[in-house]
């Protein structure tokens, strides 16, 4: 990369450029700049974000109510399961046992299936 050389003393040019591009030393400049930026931010139209801000409280209330309703429903379902379990345990006499009837495979198609399955 080539180095840019200006005619004259490089130190003097550097000093002048630093003076031109140096940050303001006065604190009031920075305070004023901050005030201008913050006023622009406050005036900024947020579009649909502003609508979300309006709905925040009702949405939180609705979410809390939904959470409470779900909790009550889960508690009642658990309570019903517990009562049913106690009724099954404390019921008089043994519960009737149902026997499952296993169908038998008959016919040519079923014979082929038994052969393929190795039974």
C-alpha atoms as a PDB file:
ATOM      1  CA  UNK A   1       0.000   0.000   0.000  1.00  0.00           C
ATOM      2  CA  UNK A   2       1.379   3.383  -0.895  1.00  0.00           C
ATOM      3  CA  UNK A   3       1.721   6.032   1.753  1.00  0.00           C
ATOM      4  CA  UNK A   4       0.112   9.395   1.109  1.00  0.00           C
ATOM      5  CA  UNK A   5       2.571  12.256   1.511  1.00  0.00           C
ATOM      6  CA  UNK A   6       1.507  15.857   1.541  1.00  0.00           C
ATOM      7  CA  UNK A   7       3.866  18.716   0.991  1.00  0.00           C
ATOM      8  CA  UNK A   8       4.939  20.178   4.256  1.00  0.00           C
ATOM      9  CA  UNK A   9       5.416  18.876   7.736  1.00  0.00           C
ATOM     10  CA  UNK A  10       3.289  15.784   8.518  1.00  0.00           C
ATOM     11  CA  UNK A  11       3.242  16.595  12.235  1.00  0.00           C
ATOM     12  CA  UNK A  12       1.773  20.022  11.570  1.00  0.00           C
ATOM     13  CA  UNK A  13      -0.946  18.599   9.293  1.00  0.00           C
ATOM     14  CA  UNK A  14      -1.749  15.916  11.854  1.00  0.00           C
ATOM     15  CA  UNK A  15      -2.059  18.501  14.605  1.00  0.00           C
ATOM     16  CA  UNK A  16      -4.416  20.638  12.506  1.00  0.00           C
ATOM     17  CA  UNK A  17      -6.595  17.650  11.569  1.00  0.00           C
ATOM     18  CA  UNK A  18      -6.806  16.565  15.231  1.00  0.00           C
ATOM     19  CA  UNK A  19      -7.919  20.063  16.178  1.00  0.00           C
ATOM     20  CA  UNK A  20     -10.625  20.059  13.498  1.00  0.00           C
ATOM     21  CA  UNK A  21     -11.987  16.584  14.336  1.00  0.00           C
ATOM     22  CA  UNK A  22     -11.546  16.686  18.115  1.00  0.00           C
ATOM     23  CA  UNK A  23     -14.593  16.161  20.329  1.00  0.00           C
ATOM     24  CA  UNK A  24     -15.983  19.323  21.923  1.00  0.00           C
ATOM     25  CA  UNK A  25     -14.521  19.926  25.360  1.00  0.00           C
ATOM     26  CA  UNK A  26     -17.566  21.851  26.625  1.00  0.00           C
ATOM     27  CA  UNK A  27     -19.956  19.700  28.714  1.00  0.00           C
ATOM     28  CA  UNK A  28     -22.973  21.753  27.624  1.00  0.00           C
ATOM     29  CA  UNK A  29     -22.521  20.461  24.052  1.00  0.00           C
ATOM     30  CA  UNK A  30     -23.015  16.859  25.188  1.00  0.00           C
ATOM     31  CA  UNK A  31     -25.967  17.777  27.427  1.00  0.00           C
ATOM     32  CA  UNK A  32     -27.645  19.622  24.568  1.00  0.00           C
ATOM     33  CA  UNK A  33     -26.981  16.739  22.180  1.00  0.00           C
ATOM     34  CA  UNK A  34     -28.545  14.280  24.608  1.00  0.00           C
ATOM     35  CA  UNK A  35     -31.593  16.542  25.055  1.00  0.00           C
ATOM     36  CA  UNK A  36     -32.068  16.811  21.271  1.00  0.00           C
ATOM     37  CA  UNK A  37     -31.781  13.040  20.789  1.00  0.00           C
ATOM     38  CA  UNK A  38     -34.193  12.260  23.638  1.00  0.00           C
ATOM     39  CA  UNK A  39     -36.755  14.774  22.359  1.00  0.00           C
ATOM     40  CA  UNK A  40     -36.651  13.113  18.928  1.00  0.00           C
ATOM     41  CA  UNK A  41     -37.086   9.684  20.506  1.00  0.00           C
ATOM     42  CA  UNK A  42     -40.071  10.931  22.533  1.00  0.00           C
ATOM     43  CA  UNK A  43     -41.718  12.382  19.411  1.00  0.00           C
ATOM     44  CA  UNK A  44     -41.168   9.187  17.407  1.00  0.00           C
ATOM     45  CA  UNK A  45     -44.347   7.394  16.318  1.00  0.00           C
ATOM     46  CA  UNK A  46     -44.033   3.746  17.294  1.00  0.00           C
ATOM     47  CA  UNK A  47     -46.785   2.527  14.972  1.00  0.00           C
ATOM     48  CA  UNK A  48     -48.418  -0.682  16.107  1.00  0.00           C
ATOM     49  CA  UNK A  49     -46.140  -0.885  19.181  1.00  0.00           C
ATOM     50  CA  UNK A  50     -48.230   1.911  20.666  1.00  0.00           C
ATOM     51  CA  UNK A  51     -51.328  -0.257  20.304  1.00  0.00           C
ATOM     52  CA  UNK A  52     -49.587  -3.103  22.097  1.00  0.00           C
ATOM     53  CA  UNK A  53     -48.844  -0.764  24.974  1.00  0.00           C
ATOM     54  CA  UNK A  54     -52.549   0.066  25.269  1.00  0.00           C
ATOM     55  CA  UNK A  55     -53.475  -3.627  25.406  1.00  0.00           C
ATOM     56  CA  UNK A  56     -50.796  -4.690  27.892  1.00  0.00           C
ATOM     57  CA  UNK A  57     -52.877  -4.432  31.077  1.00  0.00           C
ATOM     58  CA  UNK A  58     -56.039  -6.117  29.693  1.00  0.00           C
ATOM     59  CA  UNK A  59     -53.897  -8.881  28.183  1.00  0.00           C
ATOM     60  CA  UNK A  60     -52.173  -9.541  31.502  1.00  0.00           C
ATOM     61  CA  UNK A  61     -55.532  -9.661  33.304  1.00  0.00           C
ATOM     62  CA  UNK A  62     -56.925 -12.093  30.713  1.00  0.00           C
ATOM     63  CA  UNK A  63     -53.824 -14.290  30.985  1.00  0.00           C
ATOM     64  CA  UNK A  64     -54.120 -14.368  34.783  1.00  0.00           C
ATOM     65  CA  UNK A  65     -57.798 -15.333  34.580  1.00  0.00           C
ATOM     66  CA  UNK A  66     -57.027 -18.065  32.038  1.00  0.00           C
ATOM     67  CA  UNK A  67     -54.276 -19.418  34.278  1.00  0.00           C
ATOM     68  CA  UNK A  68     -56.623 -19.491  37.266  1.00  0.00           C
ATOM     69  CA  UNK A  69     -59.366 -21.253  35.253  1.00  0.00           C
ATOM     70  CA  UNK A  70     -56.901 -23.871  33.989  1.00  0.00           C
ATOM     71  CA  UNK A  71     -55.636 -24.441  37.533  1.00  0.00           C
ATOM     72  CA  UNK A  72     -59.174 -24.967  38.861  1.00  0.00           C
ATOM     73  CA  UNK A  73     -59.968 -27.373  36.005  1.00  0.00           C
ATOM     74  CA  UNK A  74     -56.802 -29.389  36.652  1.00  0.00           C
ATOM     75  CA  UNK A  75     -57.542 -29.516  40.404  1.00  0.00           C
ATOM     76  CA  UNK A  76     -61.090 -30.754  39.798  1.00  0.00           C
ATOM     77  CA  UNK A  77     -59.927 -33.381  37.300  1.00  0.00           C
ATOM     78  CA  UNK A  78     -57.343 -34.636  39.786  1.00  0.00           C
ATOM     79  CA  UNK A  79     -59.972 -34.698  42.522  1.00  0.00           C
ATOM     80  CA  UNK A  80     -62.364 -36.720  40.309  1.00  0.00           C
ATOM     81  CA  UNK A  81     -59.582 -39.221  39.490  1.00  0.00           C
ATOM     82  CA  UNK A  82     -58.808 -39.646  43.188  1.00  0.00           C
ATOM     83  CA  UNK A  83     -62.468 -40.209  44.077  1.00  0.00           C
ATOM     84  CA  UNK A  84     -62.826 -42.775  41.288  1.00  0.00           C
ATOM     85  CA  UNK A  85     -59.707 -44.605  42.497  1.00  0.00           C
ATOM     86  CA  UNK A  86     -61.075 -44.759  46.068  1.00  0.00           C
ATOM     87  CA  UNK A  87     -64.438 -46.029  44.793  1.00  0.00           C
ATOM     88  CA  UNK A  88     -62.726 -48.785  42.802  1.00  0.00           C
ATOM     89  CA  UNK A  89     -60.639 -49.846  45.793  1.00  0.00           C
ATOM     90  CA  UNK A  90     -63.487 -49.750  48.313  1.00  0.00           C
ATOM     91  CA  UNK A  91     -66.134 -51.310  46.023  1.00  0.00           C
ATOM     92  CA  UNK A  92     -67.683 -54.487  47.515  1.00  0.00           C
ATOM     93  CA  UNK A  93     -66.634 -57.761  45.912  1.00  0.00           C
ATOM     94  CA  UNK A  94     -64.164 -58.453  43.166  1.00  0.00           C
ATOM     95  CA  UNK A  95     -64.642 -56.759  39.878  1.00  0.00           C
ATOM     96  CA  UNK A  96     -65.700 -59.101  37.079  1.00  0.00           C
ATOM     97  CA  UNK A  97     -62.794 -60.206  34.941  1.00  0.00           C
ATOM     98  CA  UNK A  98     -63.433 -60.135  31.248  1.00  0.00           C
ATOM     99  CA  UNK A  99     -61.681 -62.685  29.124  1.00  0.00           C
ATOM    100  CA  UNK A 100     -60.627 -61.747  25.666  1.00  0.00           C
ATOM    101  CA  UNK A 101     -61.396 -64.193  22.893  1.00  0.00           C
ATOM    102  CA  UNK A 102     -58.530 -64.509  20.466  1.00  0.00           C
ATOM    103  CA  UNK A 103     -59.720 -64.985  16.919  1.00  0.00           C
ATOM    104  CA  UNK A 104     -58.279 -67.895  15.024  1.00  0.00           C
ATOM    105  CA  UNK A 105     -56.828 -67.527  11.589  1.00  0.00           C
ATOM    106  CA  UNK A 106     -58.590 -69.762   9.076  1.00  0.00           C
ATOM    107  CA  UNK A 107     -58.574 -69.951   5.343  1.00  0.00           C
ATOM    108  CA  UNK A 108     -55.932 -69.853   2.651  1.00  0.00           C
ATOM    109  CA  UNK A 109     -55.001 -66.221   3.194  1.00  0.00           C
ATOM    110  CA  UNK A 110     -54.596 -66.664   6.932  1.00  0.00           C
ATOM    111  CA  UNK A 111     -52.569 -69.855   6.396  1.00  0.00           C
ATOM    112  CA  UNK A 112     -50.174 -67.900   4.203  1.00  0.00           C
ATOM    113  CA  UNK A 113     -49.897 -65.222   6.871  1.00  0.00           C
ATOM    114  CA  UNK A 114     -49.155 -67.870   9.544  1.00  0.00           C
ATOM    115  CA  UNK A 115     -46.484 -69.403   7.290  1.00  0.00           C
ATOM    116  CA  UNK A 116     -44.842 -65.988   6.676  1.00  0.00           C
ATOM    117  CA  UNK A 117     -44.907 -65.143  10.371  1.00  0.00           C
ATOM    118  CA  UNK A 118     -43.550 -68.573  11.259  1.00  0.00           C
ATOM    119  CA  UNK A 119     -46.372 -69.687  13.549  1.00  0.00           C
END
